[in-house]
């Protein structure tokens, strides 16, 4: 009996390891944040194409002029997230939430950032807070499933989260990504 239990444990660890690497990249793709809207898009600021660091510095200068611009704070977090500078992204997402406690995007992205830094438990906590703010926000259910599966190895709860994302709308990009995860982990 001990041998079977050990085989199951190593089997789950192996699945998480194999799918973890691929899942990281699939997760980045399928949990991409939609553009937050407004004037802070792309790498064009004030009509000039600037380098990545220059873009962030320009936006930080704009932020010093208007420190309560929650959307700008979150966008700077997005730029750091896209550059995989997750610790810096976390600082900005937390600040965005302080300025706008209903910003479910920032809860979602704060959860992912923590997950990518190896703190899936904390990441899931922020995702759960976001779900309390808006349980119909589809992308946060996809993220919840992703963190549960790839960060915590809890495929049963991950399936539940992805099923919720699909139930909200199976035809969106997020709904299709959730269906892909469900298919990937079918019979496991």
C-alpha atoms as a PDB file:
ATOM      1  CA  UNK A   1       0.000   0.000   0.000  1.00  0.00           C
ATOM      2  CA  UNK A   2       2.844   2.401   0.827  1.00  0.00           C
ATOM      3  CA  UNK A   3       4.370   1.794  -2.600  1.00  0.00           C
ATOM      4  CA  UNK A   4       1.136   2.779  -4.364  1.00  0.00           C
ATOM      5  CA  UNK A   5       0.793   5.950  -2.292  1.00  0.00           C
ATOM      6  CA  UNK A   6       4.381   6.870  -3.004  1.00  0.00           C
ATOM      7  CA  UNK A   7       3.871   6.252  -6.728  1.00  0.00           C
ATOM      8  CA  UNK A   8       0.809   8.512  -6.724  1.00  0.00           C
ATOM      9  CA  UNK A   9       2.695  11.293  -4.920  1.00  0.00           C
ATOM     10  CA  UNK A  10       5.631  11.095  -7.336  1.00  0.00           C
ATOM     11  CA  UNK A  11       3.209  10.926 -10.266  1.00  0.00           C
ATOM     12  CA  UNK A  12       1.498  14.158  -9.164  1.00  0.00           C
ATOM     13  CA  UNK A  13       4.863  15.837  -8.547  1.00  0.00           C
ATOM     14  CA  UNK A  14       6.013  14.753 -12.018  1.00  0.00           C
ATOM     15  CA  UNK A  15       2.843  16.105 -13.650  1.00  0.00           C
ATOM     16  CA  UNK A  16       3.170  19.420 -11.868  1.00  0.00           C
ATOM     17  CA  UNK A  17       6.849  19.597 -12.890  1.00  0.00           C
ATOM     18  CA  UNK A  18       6.208  18.738 -16.543  1.00  0.00           C
ATOM     19  CA  UNK A  19       3.159  20.916 -16.885  1.00  0.00           C
ATOM     20  CA  UNK A  20       4.598  23.589 -14.607  1.00  0.00           C
ATOM     21  CA  UNK A  21       7.168  24.781 -17.129  1.00  0.00           C
ATOM     22  CA  UNK A  22       4.743  24.669 -20.034  1.00  0.00           C
ATOM     23  CA  UNK A  23       2.006  25.961 -17.774  1.00  0.00           C
ATOM     24  CA  UNK A  24       4.075  28.984 -16.840  1.00  0.00           C
ATOM     25  CA  UNK A  25       4.270  30.087 -20.458  1.00  0.00           C
ATOM     26  CA  UNK A  26       0.701  29.077 -21.233  1.00  0.00           C
ATOM     27  CA  UNK A  27      -0.353  30.853 -18.058  1.00  0.00           C
ATOM     28  CA  UNK A  28       1.384  34.037 -19.074  1.00  0.00           C
ATOM     29  CA  UNK A  29      -0.355  33.874 -22.442  1.00  0.00           C
ATOM     30  CA  UNK A  30      -3.810  32.868 -21.281  1.00  0.00           C
ATOM     31  CA  UNK A  31      -3.862  35.129 -18.258  1.00  0.00           C
ATOM     32  CA  UNK A  32      -2.612  38.183 -20.093  1.00  0.00           C
ATOM     33  CA  UNK A  33      -4.182  41.284 -18.760  1.00  0.00           C
ATOM     34  CA  UNK A  34      -6.421  43.226 -21.090  1.00  0.00           C
ATOM     35  CA  UNK A  35      -5.349  46.770 -21.754  1.00  0.00           C
ATOM     36  CA  UNK A  36      -6.665  48.924 -18.953  1.00  0.00           C
ATOM     37  CA  UNK A  37      -7.847  51.579 -21.377  1.00  0.00           C
ATOM     38  CA  UNK A  38      -7.127  55.267 -21.351  1.00  0.00           C
ATOM     39  CA  UNK A  39      -4.028  56.930 -22.677  1.00  0.00           C
ATOM     40  CA  UNK A  40      -1.392  54.642 -21.190  1.00  0.00           C
ATOM     41  CA  UNK A  41      -0.989  52.043 -23.922  1.00  0.00           C
ATOM     42  CA  UNK A  42       1.981  50.637 -25.786  1.00  0.00           C
ATOM     43  CA  UNK A  43       5.404  52.222 -25.706  1.00  0.00           C
ATOM     44  CA  UNK A  44       4.350  55.565 -27.083  1.00  0.00           C
ATOM     45  CA  UNK A  45       4.165  58.309 -24.500  1.00  0.00           C
ATOM     46  CA  UNK A  46       3.415  61.891 -25.498  1.00  0.00           C
ATOM     47  CA  UNK A  47       3.724  60.883 -29.140  1.00  0.00           C
ATOM     48  CA  UNK A  48       7.345  59.706 -28.906  1.00  0.00           C
ATOM     49  CA  UNK A  49       8.473  56.118 -29.050  1.00  0.00           C
ATOM     50  CA  UNK A  50      10.715  55.601 -26.056  1.00  0.00           C
ATOM     51  CA  UNK A  51      12.786  52.746 -24.693  1.00  0.00           C
ATOM     52  CA  UNK A  52      11.336  50.543 -21.997  1.00  0.00           C
ATOM     53  CA  UNK A  53      13.134  52.194 -19.080  1.00  0.00           C
ATOM     54  CA  UNK A  54      12.451  55.651 -20.463  1.00  0.00           C
ATOM     55  CA  UNK A  55       8.766  54.773 -20.752  1.00  0.00           C
ATOM     56  CA  UNK A  56       8.530  53.755 -17.122  1.00  0.00           C
ATOM     57  CA  UNK A  57      10.476  56.819 -16.002  1.00  0.00           C
ATOM     58  CA  UNK A  58       8.189  59.079 -18.057  1.00  0.00           C
ATOM     59  CA  UNK A  59       5.141  57.476 -16.492  1.00  0.00           C
ATOM     60  CA  UNK A  60       6.634  57.798 -13.019  1.00  0.00           C
ATOM     61  CA  UNK A  61       7.122  61.525 -13.671  1.00  0.00           C
ATOM     62  CA  UNK A  62       3.472  61.755 -14.703  1.00  0.00           C
ATOM     63  CA  UNK A  63       2.581  59.869 -11.539  1.00  0.00           C
ATOM     64  CA  UNK A  64       4.490  62.363  -9.376  1.00  0.00           C
ATOM     65  CA  UNK A  65       2.285  65.059 -10.915  1.00  0.00           C
ATOM     66  CA  UNK A  66      -0.863  63.067 -10.159  1.00  0.00           C
ATOM     67  CA  UNK A  67      -0.109  60.531  -7.395  1.00  0.00           C
ATOM     68  CA  UNK A  68      -3.760  59.469  -7.063  1.00  0.00           C
ATOM     69  CA  UNK A  69      -4.088  58.204 -10.637  1.00  0.00           C
ATOM     70  CA  UNK A  70      -4.930  54.572  -9.844  1.00  0.00           C
ATOM     71  CA  UNK A  71      -5.076  53.601 -13.511  1.00  0.00           C
ATOM     72  CA  UNK A  72      -1.574  54.937 -14.135  1.00  0.00           C
ATOM     73  CA  UNK A  73      -0.236  53.177 -11.041  1.00  0.00           C
ATOM     74  CA  UNK A  74      -1.734  49.884 -12.253  1.00  0.00           C
ATOM     75  CA  UNK A  75      -0.365  50.440 -15.751  1.00  0.00           C
ATOM     76  CA  UNK A  76       3.159  50.881 -14.391  1.00  0.00           C
ATOM     77  CA  UNK A  77       2.600  47.613 -12.536  1.00  0.00           C
ATOM     78  CA  UNK A  78       1.597  46.046 -15.867  1.00  0.00           C
ATOM     79  CA  UNK A  79       4.822  47.248 -17.481  1.00  0.00           C
ATOM     80  CA  UNK A  80       6.898  45.685 -14.719  1.00  0.00           C
ATOM     81  CA  UNK A  81       4.815  42.496 -14.941  1.00  0.00           C
ATOM     82  CA  UNK A  82       5.374  42.291 -18.699  1.00  0.00           C
ATOM     83  CA  UNK A  83       9.119  42.617 -18.050  1.00  0.00           C
ATOM     84  CA  UNK A  84       8.861  39.822 -15.455  1.00  0.00           C
ATOM     85  CA  UNK A  85       9.936  42.220 -12.716  1.00  0.00           C
ATOM     86  CA  UNK A  86       7.265  40.813 -10.438  1.00  0.00           C
ATOM     87  CA  UNK A  87       8.482  42.302  -7.146  1.00  0.00           C
ATOM     88  CA  UNK A  88       8.241  45.813  -8.597  1.00  0.00           C
ATOM     89  CA  UNK A  89       4.873  44.975 -10.159  1.00  0.00           C
ATOM     90  CA  UNK A  90       3.582  43.890  -6.746  1.00  0.00           C
ATOM     91  CA  UNK A  91       4.429  47.273  -5.240  1.00  0.00           C
ATOM     92  CA  UNK A  92       2.440  49.075  -7.922  1.00  0.00           C
ATOM     93  CA  UNK A  93      -0.535  46.724  -7.837  1.00  0.00           C
ATOM     94  CA  UNK A  94      -0.796  47.119  -4.065  1.00  0.00           C
ATOM     95  CA  UNK A  95      -0.720  50.869  -4.465  1.00  0.00           C
ATOM     96  CA  UNK A  96      -3.340  50.707  -7.238  1.00  0.00           C
ATOM     97  CA  UNK A  97      -5.630  48.731  -4.930  1.00  0.00           C
ATOM     98  CA  UNK A  98      -5.100  51.277  -2.149  1.00  0.00           C
ATOM     99  CA  UNK A  99      -6.207  53.997  -4.555  1.00  0.00           C
ATOM    100  CA  UNK A 100      -9.040  51.947  -6.079  1.00  0.00           C
ATOM    101  CA  UNK A 101     -10.128  49.028  -3.866  1.00  0.00           C
ATOM    102  CA  UNK A 102     -12.496  47.783  -6.600  1.00  0.00           C
ATOM    103  CA  UNK A 103      -9.716  47.272  -9.182  1.00  0.00           C
ATOM    104  CA  UNK A 104     -10.157  43.524  -9.717  1.00  0.00           C
ATOM    105  CA  UNK A 105      -7.523  43.547 -12.483  1.00  0.00           C
ATOM    106  CA  UNK A 106      -4.898  44.575  -9.951  1.00  0.00           C
ATOM    107  CA  UNK A 107      -5.987  41.866  -7.485  1.00  0.00           C
ATOM    108  CA  UNK A 108      -5.642  39.339 -10.309  1.00  0.00           C
ATOM    109  CA  UNK A 109      -2.239  40.610 -11.383  1.00  0.00           C
ATOM    110  CA  UNK A 110      -1.043  40.872  -7.782  1.00  0.00           C
ATOM    111  CA  UNK A 111      -1.978  37.223  -7.363  1.00  0.00           C
ATOM    112  CA  UNK A 112      -0.084  36.180 -10.482  1.00  0.00           C
ATOM    113  CA  UNK A 113       2.963  38.244  -9.547  1.00  0.00           C
ATOM    114  CA  UNK A 114       3.153  36.587  -6.143  1.00  0.00           C
ATOM    115  CA  UNK A 115       2.709  33.174  -7.751  1.00  0.00           C
ATOM    116  CA  UNK A 116       5.569  33.790 -10.187  1.00  0.00           C
ATOM    117  CA  UNK A 117       7.798  34.781  -7.265  1.00  0.00           C
ATOM    118  CA  UNK A 118       7.064  31.414  -5.667  1.00  0.00           C
ATOM    119  CA  UNK A 119       4.451  32.605  -3.200  1.00  0.00           C
ATOM    120  CA  UNK A 120       1.329  30.930  -4.543  1.00  0.00           C
ATOM    121  CA  UNK A 121      -0.434  30.948  -1.171  1.00  0.00           C
ATOM    122  CA  UNK A 122      -0.195  34.742  -0.985  1.00  0.00           C
ATOM    123  CA  UNK A 123      -1.112  34.996  -4.651  1.00  0.00           C
ATOM    124  CA  UNK A 124      -4.234  32.933  -4.104  1.00  0.00           C
ATOM    125  CA  UNK A 125      -5.171  35.166  -1.160  1.00  0.00           C
ATOM    126  CA  UNK A 126      -5.190  38.228  -3.415  1.00  0.00           C
ATOM    127  CA  UNK A 127      -7.143  36.372  -6.103  1.00  0.00           C
ATOM    128  CA  UNK A 128      -9.753  35.393  -3.509  1.00  0.00           C
ATOM    129  CA  UNK A 129     -10.029  39.040  -2.427  1.00  0.00           C
ATOM    130  CA  UNK A 130     -10.605  40.005  -6.057  1.00  0.00           C
ATOM    131  CA  UNK A 131     -13.281  37.344  -6.440  1.00  0.00           C
ATOM    132  CA  UNK A 132     -15.088  38.825  -3.423  1.00  0.00           C
ATOM    133  CA  UNK A 133     -15.042  42.185  -5.213  1.00  0.00           C
ATOM    134  CA  UNK A 134     -16.425  40.736  -8.465  1.00  0.00           C
ATOM    135  CA  UNK A 135     -17.268  37.024  -8.666  1.00  0.00           C
ATOM    136  CA  UNK A 136     -18.280  37.433 -12.318  1.00  0.00           C
ATOM    137  CA  UNK A 137     -14.867  38.602 -13.486  1.00  0.00           C
ATOM    138  CA  UNK A 138     -13.925  35.682 -15.700  1.00  0.00           C
ATOM    139  CA  UNK A 139     -10.182  36.131 -15.866  1.00  0.00           C
ATOM    140  CA  UNK A 140      -9.711  35.917 -12.116  1.00  0.00           C
ATOM    141  CA  UNK A 141     -11.237  32.407 -12.147  1.00  0.00           C
ATOM    142  CA  UNK A 142      -8.741  31.371 -14.813  1.00  0.00           C
ATOM    143  CA  UNK A 143      -5.932  32.756 -12.679  1.00  0.00           C
ATOM    144  CA  UNK A 144      -7.254  31.008  -9.586  1.00  0.00           C
ATOM    145  CA  UNK A 145      -7.197  27.675 -11.419  1.00  0.00           C
ATOM    146  CA  UNK A 146      -3.715  28.369 -12.741  1.00  0.00           C
ATOM    147  CA  UNK A 147      -2.306  29.134  -9.287  1.00  0.00           C
ATOM    148  CA  UNK A 148      -4.067  26.148  -7.725  1.00  0.00           C
ATOM    149  CA  UNK A 149      -2.798  23.734 -10.387  1.00  0.00           C
ATOM    150  CA  UNK A 150       0.716  24.974 -11.024  1.00  0.00           C
ATOM    151  CA  UNK A 151       1.540  26.565  -7.692  1.00  0.00           C
ATOM    152  CA  UNK A 152      -0.207  24.308  -5.240  1.00  0.00           C
ATOM    153  CA  UNK A 153      -0.823  21.046  -7.105  1.00  0.00           C
ATOM    154  CA  UNK A 154      -4.538  21.100  -6.281  1.00  0.00           C
ATOM    155  CA  UNK A 155      -6.048  19.918  -9.553  1.00  0.00           C
ATOM    156  CA  UNK A 156      -9.511  19.316  -8.116  1.00  0.00           C
ATOM    157  CA  UNK A 157      -9.919  22.935  -6.980  1.00  0.00           C
ATOM    158  CA  UNK A 158      -8.220  24.162 -10.166  1.00  0.00           C
ATOM    159  CA  UNK A 159     -10.812  22.330 -12.250  1.00  0.00           C
ATOM    160  CA  UNK A 160     -13.606  23.967 -10.254  1.00  0.00           C
ATOM    161  CA  UNK A 161     -12.138  27.418 -10.924  1.00  0.00           C
ATOM    162  CA  UNK A 162     -11.679  26.742 -14.642  1.00  0.00           C
ATOM    163  CA  UNK A 163     -15.206  25.348 -14.903  1.00  0.00           C
ATOM    164  CA  UNK A 164     -16.464  28.597 -13.352  1.00  0.00           C
ATOM    165  CA  UNK A 165     -14.472  30.602 -15.943  1.00  0.00           C
ATOM    166  CA  UNK A 166     -15.983  28.529 -18.765  1.00  0.00           C
ATOM    167  CA  UNK A 167     -19.487  28.878 -17.314  1.00  0.00           C
ATOM    168  CA  UNK A 168     -19.205  32.674 -17.344  1.00  0.00           C
ATOM    169  CA  UNK A 169     -18.597  32.683 -21.106  1.00  0.00           C
ATOM    170  CA  UNK A 170     -17.050  29.783 -23.014  1.00  0.00           C
ATOM    171  CA  UNK A 171     -16.525  31.804 -26.203  1.00  0.00           C
ATOM    172  CA  UNK A 172     -14.148  34.469 -24.918  1.00  0.00           C
ATOM    173  CA  UNK A 173     -10.360  34.112 -25.027  1.00  0.00           C
ATOM    174  CA  UNK A 174     -10.398  33.460 -21.288  1.00  0.00           C
ATOM    175  CA  UNK A 175     -13.170  30.872 -21.604  1.00  0.00           C
ATOM    176  CA  UNK A 176     -11.262  29.062 -24.341  1.00  0.00           C
ATOM    177  CA  UNK A 177      -8.064  29.101 -22.256  1.00  0.00           C
ATOM    178  CA  UNK A 178      -9.970  27.609 -19.310  1.00  0.00           C
ATOM    179  CA  UNK A 179     -11.305  24.872 -21.596  1.00  0.00           C
ATOM    180  CA  UNK A 180      -7.723  24.156 -22.736  1.00  0.00           C
ATOM    181  CA  UNK A 181      -6.598  23.748 -19.139  1.00  0.00           C
ATOM    182  CA  UNK A 182      -9.544  21.465 -18.403  1.00  0.00           C
ATOM    183  CA  UNK A 183      -8.671  19.328 -21.433  1.00  0.00           C
ATOM    184  CA  UNK A 184      -4.985  19.293 -20.446  1.00  0.00           C
ATOM    185  CA  UNK A 185      -5.798  17.911 -17.014  1.00  0.00           C
ATOM    186  CA  UNK A 186      -8.661  15.618 -18.017  1.00  0.00           C
ATOM    187  CA  UNK A 187      -8.365  12.162 -16.407  1.00  0.00           C
ATOM    188  CA  UNK A 188      -5.594  13.266 -14.050  1.00  0.00           C
END
